[in-house]
């Protein structure tokens, strides 16, 4: 079956993308790594001895970046429902973090640790229908925030991908009620036509 014009256009754009080319040269698994790298350079997220939880980790570009920028005393737990090849320096858990069984597994793996930083690059499987896709994306971000209630230490930070649209302001308010500072980041590697943005919440307030 021949590809649609839109699919061909996307593939042509993808292969011409400077970040795609750069990721191949530097052996990163996805161009998304440069989104995290830019935010990290600006906001100093990754520190040597941190405990980091990453949600929506596959295919592992962010995981590679975090593992490379942590010391041997750091701890990285990468979670995704999709299969993902191992990354040196990371504990990879193939599971759905929205299920209680997965939260129990995470608790066992962390073995008493609380995260200094939670990263979420999760996005829903898009249908092309904004009325469906937008609520799903906001819901995933809300679930990441809920998970912080148990797994993120007081004073810790959350970086979560979301999309501007219905529910965005409510999500931002929820973050501001739980963290001292909330900032919006649109890294250069995010395509300008996309509504994708990252919300960076720092200084989780004591429960």
Protein backbone atom coordinates (compact mmCIF):
# COMPACT_ATOMS: atom_id res chain seq x y z
CA UNK A 1 0.00 0.00 0.00
CA UNK A 2 1.42 3.41 -0.96
CA UNK A 3 1.92 6.01 1.73
CA UNK A 4 -0.46 8.96 1.99
CA UNK A 5 0.83 12.39 0.99
CA UNK A 6 0.81 13.49 4.65
CA UNK A 7 2.81 10.41 5.73
CA UNK A 8 5.37 10.99 2.98
CA UNK A 9 5.62 14.66 3.92
CA UNK A 10 6.22 13.73 7.57
CA UNK A 11 8.90 11.19 6.64
CA UNK A 12 10.66 13.68 4.36
CA UNK A 13 10.61 16.29 7.11
CA UNK A 14 11.79 13.76 9.71
CA UNK A 15 14.79 12.61 7.69
CA UNK A 16 15.76 16.21 6.89
CA UNK A 17 15.46 17.28 10.53
CA UNK A 18 18.78 18.57 11.90
CA UNK A 19 18.04 17.11 15.35
CA UNK A 20 17.35 13.68 13.84
CA UNK A 21 20.66 13.81 12.00
CA UNK A 22 22.47 14.98 15.13
CA UNK A 23 20.95 12.21 17.26
CA UNK A 24 22.18 9.59 14.79
CA UNK A 25 25.71 11.00 14.82
CA UNK A 26 25.76 11.10 18.63
CA UNK A 27 24.09 7.67 18.99
CA UNK A 28 21.02 8.88 20.83
CA UNK A 29 17.83 6.92 20.37
CA UNK A 30 15.63 9.90 19.58
CA UNK A 31 15.73 13.60 18.74
CA UNK A 32 13.78 14.26 21.95
CA UNK A 33 17.04 14.11 23.87
CA UNK A 34 17.82 17.66 22.74
CA UNK A 35 14.63 18.96 24.36
CA UNK A 36 15.77 17.67 27.73
CA UNK A 37 19.38 18.77 27.13
CA UNK A 38 18.31 22.36 26.42
CA UNK A 39 16.07 22.53 29.49
CA UNK A 40 18.77 20.96 31.64
CA UNK A 41 21.38 23.43 30.42
CA UNK A 42 19.07 26.30 31.31
CA UNK A 43 17.60 25.02 34.58
CA UNK A 44 20.32 22.68 35.91
CA UNK A 45 17.99 19.70 36.45
CA UNK A 46 20.39 16.75 36.40
CA UNK A 47 22.76 16.56 39.37
CA UNK A 48 25.38 13.86 40.07
CA UNK A 49 23.88 11.99 43.03
CA UNK A 50 20.18 12.32 42.30
CA UNK A 51 17.45 9.73 42.34
CA UNK A 52 15.47 10.24 39.11
CA UNK A 53 12.21 8.63 37.93
CA UNK A 54 11.46 8.87 34.24
CA UNK A 55 7.96 8.15 32.91
CA UNK A 56 7.32 7.43 29.25
CA UNK A 57 10.98 6.54 28.78
CA UNK A 58 10.91 4.58 25.49
CA UNK A 59 12.81 4.58 23.21
CA UNK A 60 15.35 5.82 25.75
CA UNK A 61 16.90 9.06 24.51
CA UNK A 62 16.18 10.91 27.75
CA UNK A 63 17.30 7.84 29.70
CA UNK A 64 20.65 7.88 27.93
CA UNK A 65 21.12 11.58 28.65
CA UNK A 66 20.28 11.30 32.34
CA UNK A 67 22.47 8.22 32.83
CA UNK A 68 25.41 9.98 31.16
CA UNK A 69 25.06 13.04 33.37
CA UNK A 70 24.71 11.26 36.72
CA UNK A 71 27.47 9.92 38.90
CA UNK A 72 27.80 6.29 39.90
CA UNK A 73 25.96 7.19 43.12
CA UNK A 74 22.90 8.37 41.19
CA UNK A 75 19.83 6.18 40.70
CA UNK A 76 17.64 6.21 37.59
CA UNK A 77 14.37 4.32 37.19
CA UNK A 78 12.94 4.47 33.66
CA UNK A 79 9.36 3.28 33.17
CA UNK A 80 7.38 2.70 30.00
CA UNK A 81 4.57 0.44 28.87
CA UNK A 82 6.54 -0.13 25.65
CA UNK A 83 9.50 -2.45 25.36
CA UNK A 84 12.81 -0.64 25.64
CA UNK A 85 16.39 -1.83 25.22
CA UNK A 86 18.54 -1.61 28.35
CA UNK A 87 20.48 1.58 29.09
CA UNK A 88 23.67 1.34 31.10
CA UNK A 89 23.20 2.97 34.48
CA UNK A 90 19.39 2.78 34.43
CA UNK A 91 16.83 0.42 35.91
CA UNK A 92 14.30 -0.13 33.10
CA UNK A 93 10.79 -1.25 34.02
CA UNK A 94 8.43 -2.28 31.21
CA UNK A 95 5.05 -1.63 32.78
CA UNK A 96 2.05 0.71 32.90
CA UNK A 97 2.68 3.18 35.70
CA UNK A 98 -1.06 3.91 35.97
CA UNK A 99 -1.60 0.43 37.44
CA UNK A 100 -1.21 -0.30 41.13
CA UNK A 101 0.97 -3.35 40.42
CA UNK A 102 3.49 -1.11 38.65
CA UNK A 103 3.55 1.36 41.54
CA UNK A 104 4.27 -1.57 43.86
CA UNK A 105 7.13 -2.67 41.59
CA UNK A 106 8.53 0.87 41.53
CA UNK A 107 8.37 1.02 45.30
CA UNK A 108 10.32 -2.25 45.55
CA UNK A 109 12.97 -1.11 43.05
CA UNK A 110 13.44 2.24 44.76
CA UNK A 111 13.83 0.44 48.10
CA UNK A 112 13.08 3.45 50.28
CA UNK A 113 14.52 6.09 47.98
CA UNK A 114 12.51 9.16 47.09
CA UNK A 115 13.07 10.90 43.79
CA UNK A 116 14.82 14.26 43.58
CA UNK A 117 13.44 14.66 40.06
CA UNK A 118 10.55 13.16 38.10
CA UNK A 119 10.65 13.43 34.30
CA UNK A 120 7.66 12.73 32.09
CA UNK A 121 7.81 12.84 28.29
CA UNK A 122 4.56 10.88 28.01
CA UNK A 123 2.04 11.54 25.28
CA UNK A 124 -1.11 9.64 24.33
CA UNK A 125 -1.56 7.74 21.09
CA UNK A 126 -2.94 10.59 19.01
CA UNK A 127 -6.14 10.09 17.06
CA UNK A 128 -6.01 13.41 15.25
CA UNK A 129 -9.13 14.55 17.10
CA UNK A 130 -8.27 17.43 19.47
CA UNK A 131 -11.38 16.81 21.57
CA UNK A 132 -9.99 13.35 22.35
CA UNK A 133 -6.23 13.92 22.28
CA UNK A 134 -6.06 17.03 24.48
CA UNK A 135 -7.89 15.56 27.51
CA UNK A 136 -5.75 12.43 27.26
CA UNK A 137 -2.52 14.43 27.28
CA UNK A 138 -3.65 16.51 30.26
CA UNK A 139 -4.72 13.36 32.09
CA UNK A 140 -1.27 11.81 31.67
CA UNK A 141 0.34 14.93 33.11
CA UNK A 142 -2.10 14.86 36.03
CA UNK A 143 -1.22 11.23 36.70
CA UNK A 144 2.48 12.13 36.78
CA UNK A 145 1.69 14.86 39.29
CA UNK A 146 -0.37 12.44 41.40
CA UNK A 147 2.51 9.96 41.43
CA UNK A 148 4.77 12.66 42.86
CA UNK A 149 2.61 12.56 46.00
CA UNK A 150 4.38 9.40 47.09
CA UNK A 151 7.59 9.19 45.07
CA UNK A 152 8.96 12.76 44.93
CA UNK A 153 10.73 14.16 47.97
CA UNK A 154 9.85 17.51 49.52
CA UNK A 155 11.81 20.16 47.61
CA UNK A 156 12.04 17.96 44.51
CA UNK A 157 11.24 18.88 40.90
CA UNK A 158 8.92 17.66 38.14
CA UNK A 159 9.34 18.19 34.40
CA UNK A 160 6.27 17.12 32.46
CA UNK A 161 5.28 17.32 28.81
CA UNK A 162 1.84 18.62 28.01
CA UNK A 163 0.00 20.45 25.26
CA UNK A 164 -1.53 23.91 25.27
CA UNK A 165 -5.29 23.84 25.01
CA UNK A 166 -8.24 22.80 27.14
CA UNK A 167 -7.14 21.82 30.64
CA UNK A 168 -3.71 23.42 30.41
CA UNK A 169 -4.47 26.29 32.77
CA UNK A 170 -6.04 23.93 35.30
CA UNK A 171 -2.96 21.70 35.23
CA UNK A 172 -0.74 24.74 35.73
CA UNK A 173 -2.81 25.81 38.74
CA UNK A 174 -2.51 22.33 40.24
CA UNK A 175 1.26 22.44 39.85
CA UNK A 176 1.45 25.88 41.43
CA UNK A 177 -0.47 24.64 44.43
CA UNK A 178 2.05 21.83 44.97
CA UNK A 179 5.36 23.50 44.00
CA UNK A 180 7.07 26.79 44.81
CA UNK A 181 7.90 27.69 41.19
CA UNK A 182 6.30 26.63 37.89
CA UNK A 183 7.79 27.62 34.53
CA UNK A 184 6.85 26.89 30.92
CA UNK A 185 9.59 25.70 28.58
CA UNK A 186 9.45 25.37 24.77
CA UNK A 187 12.84 23.97 23.72
CA UNK A 188 14.18 24.60 20.23
CA UNK A 189 13.84 20.91 19.34
CA UNK A 190 10.07 21.11 19.84
CA UNK A 191 8.59 21.80 16.42
CA UNK A 192 7.19 25.31 16.38
CA UNK A 193 3.83 24.30 14.91
CA UNK A 194 3.30 21.84 17.76
CA UNK A 195 1.33 22.83 20.87
CA UNK A 196 3.80 20.76 22.90
CA UNK A 197 5.35 22.50 25.88
CA UNK A 198 7.03 21.38 29.09
CA UNK A 199 6.02 22.50 32.54
CA UNK A 200 8.88 22.64 35.01
CA UNK A 201 7.78 22.62 38.65
CA UNK A 202 10.51 23.14 41.26
CA UNK A 203 10.45 23.01 45.04
CA UNK A 204 7.76 20.52 45.96
CA UNK A 205 6.04 21.81 49.07
CA UNK A 206 6.07 19.72 52.23
CA UNK A 207 3.04 17.48 52.59
